[in-house]
């Protein structure tokens, strides 16, 4: 696995860091906004420590790295089982504490016309719940399932997490 929790992601001049499919980013810069687009069957996970003002976002595509171990070596954030631990480790390295983390998730829809054979969104939601349950992590806010694509944002200044769907924005945290 790579030594860093994410590939190099540059901050735009407007303070936005865009997290692509199979990527993650962590930050302790208050002027930064983390954002990911097109969360269909993929899931976006945000974590934020309101005391340390540290947070991160992951956009994973598939549940298990076992489906393509070579790909997982080069892009571990593509898979839930390898990306989620990297996300948490990245924030811990910046001073976050597990017991203070606010965790939110969005995506996991069934948007592909596969007649329900693959159910990638459902499988992604299931593995995320299993990972969190095994590690005693509580999801504070979520917008998952259904059949629509979403955009997920995390504001590093105050930890606000919002999700946009069809032009309407909803705040997941704080509630």
C-alpha atoms as a PDB file:
ATOM      1  CA  UNK A   1       0.000   0.000   0.000  1.00  0.00           C
ATOM      2  CA  UNK A   2       1.141   3.562  -0.584  1.00  0.00           C
ATOM      3  CA  UNK A   3       2.846   5.377   2.278  1.00  0.00           C
ATOM      4  CA  UNK A   4       0.405   8.279   2.067  1.00  0.00           C
ATOM      5  CA  UNK A   5      -3.348   8.003   2.615  1.00  0.00           C
ATOM      6  CA  UNK A   6      -4.193   9.528  -0.758  1.00  0.00           C
ATOM      7  CA  UNK A   7      -2.716  10.278  -4.111  1.00  0.00           C
ATOM      8  CA  UNK A   8      -1.601  13.858  -4.543  1.00  0.00           C
ATOM      9  CA  UNK A   9      -4.689  16.020  -4.788  1.00  0.00           C
ATOM     10  CA  UNK A  10      -4.253  19.718  -5.383  1.00  0.00           C
ATOM     11  CA  UNK A  11      -6.397  22.344  -3.699  1.00  0.00           C
ATOM     12  CA  UNK A  12      -8.083  24.618  -6.192  1.00  0.00           C
ATOM     13  CA  UNK A  13      -7.805  28.370  -5.800  1.00  0.00           C
ATOM     14  CA  UNK A  14     -11.338  28.424  -4.381  1.00  0.00           C
ATOM     15  CA  UNK A  15     -10.306  26.093  -1.532  1.00  0.00           C
ATOM     16  CA  UNK A  16     -12.043  23.027  -2.972  1.00  0.00           C
ATOM     17  CA  UNK A  17     -10.456  19.612  -3.038  1.00  0.00           C
ATOM     18  CA  UNK A  18     -12.327  17.341  -5.430  1.00  0.00           C
ATOM     19  CA  UNK A  19     -12.147  13.677  -4.515  1.00  0.00           C
ATOM     20  CA  UNK A  20     -12.528  11.449  -7.552  1.00  0.00           C
ATOM     21  CA  UNK A  21     -13.711   7.865  -7.735  1.00  0.00           C
ATOM     22  CA  UNK A  22     -11.322   5.655  -5.795  1.00  0.00           C
ATOM     23  CA  UNK A  23      -9.620   8.549  -4.021  1.00  0.00           C
ATOM     24  CA  UNK A  24      -9.535  10.099  -0.593  1.00  0.00           C
ATOM     25  CA  UNK A  25      -8.187  13.211   1.041  1.00  0.00           C
ATOM     26  CA  UNK A  26      -7.652  14.386   4.608  1.00  0.00           C
ATOM     27  CA  UNK A  27      -7.177  17.943   5.783  1.00  0.00           C
ATOM     28  CA  UNK A  28      -6.701  20.176   8.785  1.00  0.00           C
ATOM     29  CA  UNK A  29      -6.957  23.378   6.732  1.00  0.00           C
ATOM     30  CA  UNK A  30     -10.068  25.336   7.823  1.00  0.00           C
ATOM     31  CA  UNK A  31     -10.485  27.113   4.477  1.00  0.00           C
ATOM     32  CA  UNK A  32     -10.802  23.817   2.605  1.00  0.00           C
ATOM     33  CA  UNK A  33     -13.970  22.177   1.306  1.00  0.00           C
ATOM     34  CA  UNK A  34     -13.811  18.505   0.354  1.00  0.00           C
ATOM     35  CA  UNK A  35     -16.292  17.507  -2.347  1.00  0.00           C
ATOM     36  CA  UNK A  36     -17.089  14.453  -4.415  1.00  0.00           C
ATOM     37  CA  UNK A  37     -19.502  14.150  -7.292  1.00  0.00           C
ATOM     38  CA  UNK A  38     -21.519  11.405  -8.956  1.00  0.00           C
ATOM     39  CA  UNK A  39     -22.063   9.096  -6.010  1.00  0.00           C
ATOM     40  CA  UNK A  40     -24.277   6.521  -7.683  1.00  0.00           C
ATOM     41  CA  UNK A  41     -23.513   2.992  -6.510  1.00  0.00           C
ATOM     42  CA  UNK A  42     -20.254   4.350  -5.051  1.00  0.00           C
ATOM     43  CA  UNK A  43     -20.255   5.600  -1.460  1.00  0.00           C
ATOM     44  CA  UNK A  44     -18.744   8.765  -0.072  1.00  0.00           C
ATOM     45  CA  UNK A  45     -17.670   8.710   3.565  1.00  0.00           C
ATOM     46  CA  UNK A  46     -16.779  11.803   5.585  1.00  0.00           C
ATOM     47  CA  UNK A  47     -15.181  11.863   8.996  1.00  0.00           C
ATOM     48  CA  UNK A  48     -14.525  14.958  11.106  1.00  0.00           C
ATOM     49  CA  UNK A  49     -13.063  15.618  14.540  1.00  0.00           C
ATOM     50  CA  UNK A  50     -14.665  18.867  15.810  1.00  0.00           C
ATOM     51  CA  UNK A  51     -11.993  19.345  18.497  1.00  0.00           C
ATOM     52  CA  UNK A  52      -8.888  18.806  16.338  1.00  0.00           C
ATOM     53  CA  UNK A  53     -10.620  20.355  13.267  1.00  0.00           C
ATOM     54  CA  UNK A  54      -9.390  17.439  11.166  1.00  0.00           C
ATOM     55  CA  UNK A  55     -11.427  15.611   8.589  1.00  0.00           C
ATOM     56  CA  UNK A  56     -11.414  13.572   5.455  1.00  0.00           C
ATOM     57  CA  UNK A  57     -13.446  12.133   2.638  1.00  0.00           C
ATOM     58  CA  UNK A  58     -13.342   8.839   0.742  1.00  0.00           C
ATOM     59  CA  UNK A  59     -15.123   7.949  -2.520  1.00  0.00           C
ATOM     60  CA  UNK A  60     -15.022   4.173  -2.811  1.00  0.00           C
ATOM     61  CA  UNK A  61     -16.375   2.228  -5.763  1.00  0.00           C
ATOM     62  CA  UNK A  62     -16.454  -1.431  -4.757  1.00  0.00           C
ATOM     63  CA  UNK A  63     -16.848  -3.350  -1.510  1.00  0.00           C
ATOM     64  CA  UNK A  64     -13.851  -5.678  -1.474  1.00  0.00           C
ATOM     65  CA  UNK A  65     -10.285  -5.472  -2.690  1.00  0.00           C
ATOM     66  CA  UNK A  66     -10.308  -9.257  -3.086  1.00  0.00           C
ATOM     67  CA  UNK A  67     -11.991  -8.792  -6.474  1.00  0.00           C
ATOM     68  CA  UNK A  68      -8.823  -7.161  -7.850  1.00  0.00           C
ATOM     69  CA  UNK A  69      -5.856  -7.306  -5.491  1.00  0.00           C
ATOM     70  CA  UNK A  70      -3.465  -5.762  -8.037  1.00  0.00           C
ATOM     71  CA  UNK A  71      -5.747  -2.744  -8.467  1.00  0.00           C
ATOM     72  CA  UNK A  72      -6.082  -2.501  -4.674  1.00  0.00           C
ATOM     73  CA  UNK A  73      -2.303  -2.231  -4.300  1.00  0.00           C
ATOM     74  CA  UNK A  74      -2.230   0.762  -6.641  1.00  0.00           C
ATOM     75  CA  UNK A  75      -5.523   2.363  -5.656  1.00  0.00           C
ATOM     76  CA  UNK A  76      -6.643   1.123  -2.214  1.00  0.00           C
ATOM     77  CA  UNK A  77      -9.241   3.893  -1.844  1.00  0.00           C
ATOM     78  CA  UNK A  78     -11.244   2.261  -4.649  1.00  0.00           C
ATOM     79  CA  UNK A  79     -12.422  -0.438  -2.219  1.00  0.00           C
ATOM     80  CA  UNK A  80     -14.298  -0.104   1.080  1.00  0.00           C
ATOM     81  CA  UNK A  81     -12.232  -2.651   2.990  1.00  0.00           C
ATOM     82  CA  UNK A  82      -8.927  -0.933   2.156  1.00  0.00           C
ATOM     83  CA  UNK A  83     -10.058   2.687   1.721  1.00  0.00           C
ATOM     84  CA  UNK A  84     -11.961   3.137   4.986  1.00  0.00           C
ATOM     85  CA  UNK A  85      -8.967   2.192   7.179  1.00  0.00           C
ATOM     86  CA  UNK A  86      -6.742   4.584   5.176  1.00  0.00           C
ATOM     87  CA  UNK A  87      -9.245   7.400   5.670  1.00  0.00           C
ATOM     88  CA  UNK A  88      -9.295   6.915   9.430  1.00  0.00           C
ATOM     89  CA  UNK A  89      -5.500   6.535   9.646  1.00  0.00           C
ATOM     90  CA  UNK A  90      -5.033   9.720   7.641  1.00  0.00           C
ATOM     91  CA  UNK A  91      -7.095  11.746  10.095  1.00  0.00           C
ATOM     92  CA  UNK A  92      -5.453  10.095  13.114  1.00  0.00           C
ATOM     93  CA  UNK A  93      -2.075  11.122  11.684  1.00  0.00           C
ATOM     94  CA  UNK A  94      -3.331  14.740  11.756  1.00  0.00           C
ATOM     95  CA  UNK A  95      -4.506  14.515  15.383  1.00  0.00           C
ATOM     96  CA  UNK A  96      -8.076  13.194  15.177  1.00  0.00           C
ATOM     97  CA  UNK A  97      -9.360  10.878  17.909  1.00  0.00           C
ATOM     98  CA  UNK A  98     -11.737   8.027  17.122  1.00  0.00           C
ATOM     99  CA  UNK A  99     -14.082   8.786  20.020  1.00  0.00           C
ATOM    100  CA  UNK A 100     -14.701  12.337  18.728  1.00  0.00           C
ATOM    101  CA  UNK A 101     -15.252  11.531  15.059  1.00  0.00           C
ATOM    102  CA  UNK A 102     -18.459  12.523  13.312  1.00  0.00           C
ATOM    103  CA  UNK A 103     -19.046  10.009  10.508  1.00  0.00           C
ATOM    104  CA  UNK A 104     -21.423  10.515   7.575  1.00  0.00           C
ATOM    105  CA  UNK A 105     -22.073   8.579   4.367  1.00  0.00           C
ATOM    106  CA  UNK A 106     -23.907   9.093   1.082  1.00  0.00           C
ATOM    107  CA  UNK A 107     -24.427   7.102  -2.100  1.00  0.00           C
ATOM    108  CA  UNK A 108     -24.867   3.377  -2.504  1.00  0.00           C
ATOM    109  CA  UNK A 109     -27.752   3.711  -4.935  1.00  0.00           C
ATOM    110  CA  UNK A 110     -28.834   1.153  -7.490  1.00  0.00           C
ATOM    111  CA  UNK A 111     -28.323   3.253 -10.614  1.00  0.00           C
ATOM    112  CA  UNK A 112     -27.016   0.707 -13.098  1.00  0.00           C
ATOM    113  CA  UNK A 113     -29.440  -1.039 -15.432  1.00  0.00           C
ATOM    114  CA  UNK A 114     -28.256  -4.514 -14.483  1.00  0.00           C
ATOM    115  CA  UNK A 115     -31.663  -5.991 -13.613  1.00  0.00           C
ATOM    116  CA  UNK A 116     -30.490  -6.264 -10.007  1.00  0.00           C
ATOM    117  CA  UNK A 117     -27.878  -8.940 -10.657  1.00  0.00           C
ATOM    118  CA  UNK A 118     -24.835  -7.123  -9.328  1.00  0.00           C
ATOM    119  CA  UNK A 119     -26.448  -4.814  -6.725  1.00  0.00           C
ATOM    120  CA  UNK A 120     -23.220  -2.883  -6.259  1.00  0.00           C
ATOM    121  CA  UNK A 121     -24.893  -0.121  -4.239  1.00  0.00           C
ATOM    122  CA  UNK A 122     -26.437  -2.605  -1.838  1.00  0.00           C
ATOM    123  CA  UNK A 123     -23.171  -4.517  -1.474  1.00  0.00           C
ATOM    124  CA  UNK A 124     -21.313  -1.253  -0.793  1.00  0.00           C
ATOM    125  CA  UNK A 125     -23.832  -0.271   1.911  1.00  0.00           C
ATOM    126  CA  UNK A 126     -23.595  -3.714   3.505  1.00  0.00           C
ATOM    127  CA  UNK A 127     -19.798  -3.802   3.734  1.00  0.00           C
ATOM    128  CA  UNK A 128     -19.674  -0.261   5.098  1.00  0.00           C
ATOM    129  CA  UNK A 129     -22.115  -1.182   7.877  1.00  0.00           C
ATOM    130  CA  UNK A 130     -20.090  -4.327   8.655  1.00  0.00           C
ATOM    131  CA  UNK A 131     -16.804  -2.404   8.792  1.00  0.00           C
ATOM    132  CA  UNK A 132     -18.282   0.247  11.075  1.00  0.00           C
ATOM    133  CA  UNK A 133     -20.021  -2.300  13.295  1.00  0.00           C
ATOM    134  CA  UNK A 134     -16.815  -4.350  13.735  1.00  0.00           C
ATOM    135  CA  UNK A 135     -14.894  -1.198  14.664  1.00  0.00           C
ATOM    136  CA  UNK A 136     -17.547   0.360  16.917  1.00  0.00           C
ATOM    137  CA  UNK A 137     -18.138   3.336  14.604  1.00  0.00           C
ATOM    138  CA  UNK A 138     -21.490   5.136  14.643  1.00  0.00           C
ATOM    139  CA  UNK A 139     -22.738   6.859  11.487  1.00  0.00           C
ATOM    140  CA  UNK A 140     -24.263  10.185  12.545  1.00  0.00           C
ATOM    141  CA  UNK A 141     -25.796  11.178   9.211  1.00  0.00           C
ATOM    142  CA  UNK A 142     -26.453   9.320   6.004  1.00  0.00           C
ATOM    143  CA  UNK A 143     -28.251   9.519   2.703  1.00  0.00           C
ATOM    144  CA  UNK A 144     -27.835   6.125   1.069  1.00  0.00           C
ATOM    145  CA  UNK A 145     -29.759   3.759  -1.155  1.00  0.00           C
ATOM    146  CA  UNK A 146     -32.457   4.626  -3.634  1.00  0.00           C
ATOM    147  CA  UNK A 147     -31.750   5.139  -7.309  1.00  0.00           C
ATOM    148  CA  UNK A 148     -30.295   8.659  -7.570  1.00  0.00           C
ATOM    149  CA  UNK A 149     -26.805  10.121  -7.798  1.00  0.00           C
ATOM    150  CA  UNK A 150     -25.509  12.465  -5.101  1.00  0.00           C
ATOM    151  CA  UNK A 151     -22.826  15.084  -4.414  1.00  0.00           C
ATOM    152  CA  UNK A 152     -21.204  15.086  -0.955  1.00  0.00           C
ATOM    153  CA  UNK A 153     -19.430  18.048   0.693  1.00  0.00           C
ATOM    154  CA  UNK A 154     -17.436  18.533   3.897  1.00  0.00           C
ATOM    155  CA  UNK A 155     -16.595  22.036   5.125  1.00  0.00           C
ATOM    156  CA  UNK A 156     -13.387  21.864   7.158  1.00  0.00           C
ATOM    157  CA  UNK A 157     -14.047  25.111   9.038  1.00  0.00           C
ATOM    158  CA  UNK A 158     -16.928  23.661  11.061  1.00  0.00           C
ATOM    159  CA  UNK A 159     -17.423  20.077   9.888  1.00  0.00           C
ATOM    160  CA  UNK A 160     -20.709  20.709   8.097  1.00  0.00           C
ATOM    161  CA  UNK A 161     -21.569  17.760   5.866  1.00  0.00           C
ATOM    162  CA  UNK A 162     -24.132  18.231   3.132  1.00  0.00           C
ATOM    163  CA  UNK A 163     -25.468  16.148   0.283  1.00  0.00           C
ATOM    164  CA  UNK A 164     -27.010  17.456  -2.924  1.00  0.00           C
ATOM    165  CA  UNK A 165     -29.456  15.563  -5.088  1.00  0.00           C
ATOM    166  CA  UNK A 166     -31.193  16.976  -8.139  1.00  0.00           C
ATOM    167  CA  UNK A 167     -30.283  20.527  -7.131  1.00  0.00           C
ATOM    168  CA  UNK A 168     -31.546  20.240  -3.547  1.00  0.00           C
ATOM    169  CA  UNK A 169     -29.092  20.346  -0.668  1.00  0.00           C
ATOM    170  CA  UNK A 170     -29.598  18.651   2.697  1.00  0.00           C
ATOM    171  CA  UNK A 171     -27.341  19.006   5.751  1.00  0.00           C
ATOM    172  CA  UNK A 172     -26.402  15.647   7.275  1.00  0.00           C
ATOM    173  CA  UNK A 173     -24.391  17.169  10.131  1.00  0.00           C
ATOM    174  CA  UNK A 174     -24.851  19.115  12.297  1.00  0.00           C
ATOM    175  CA  UNK A 175     -28.508  18.306  12.655  1.00  0.00           C
END
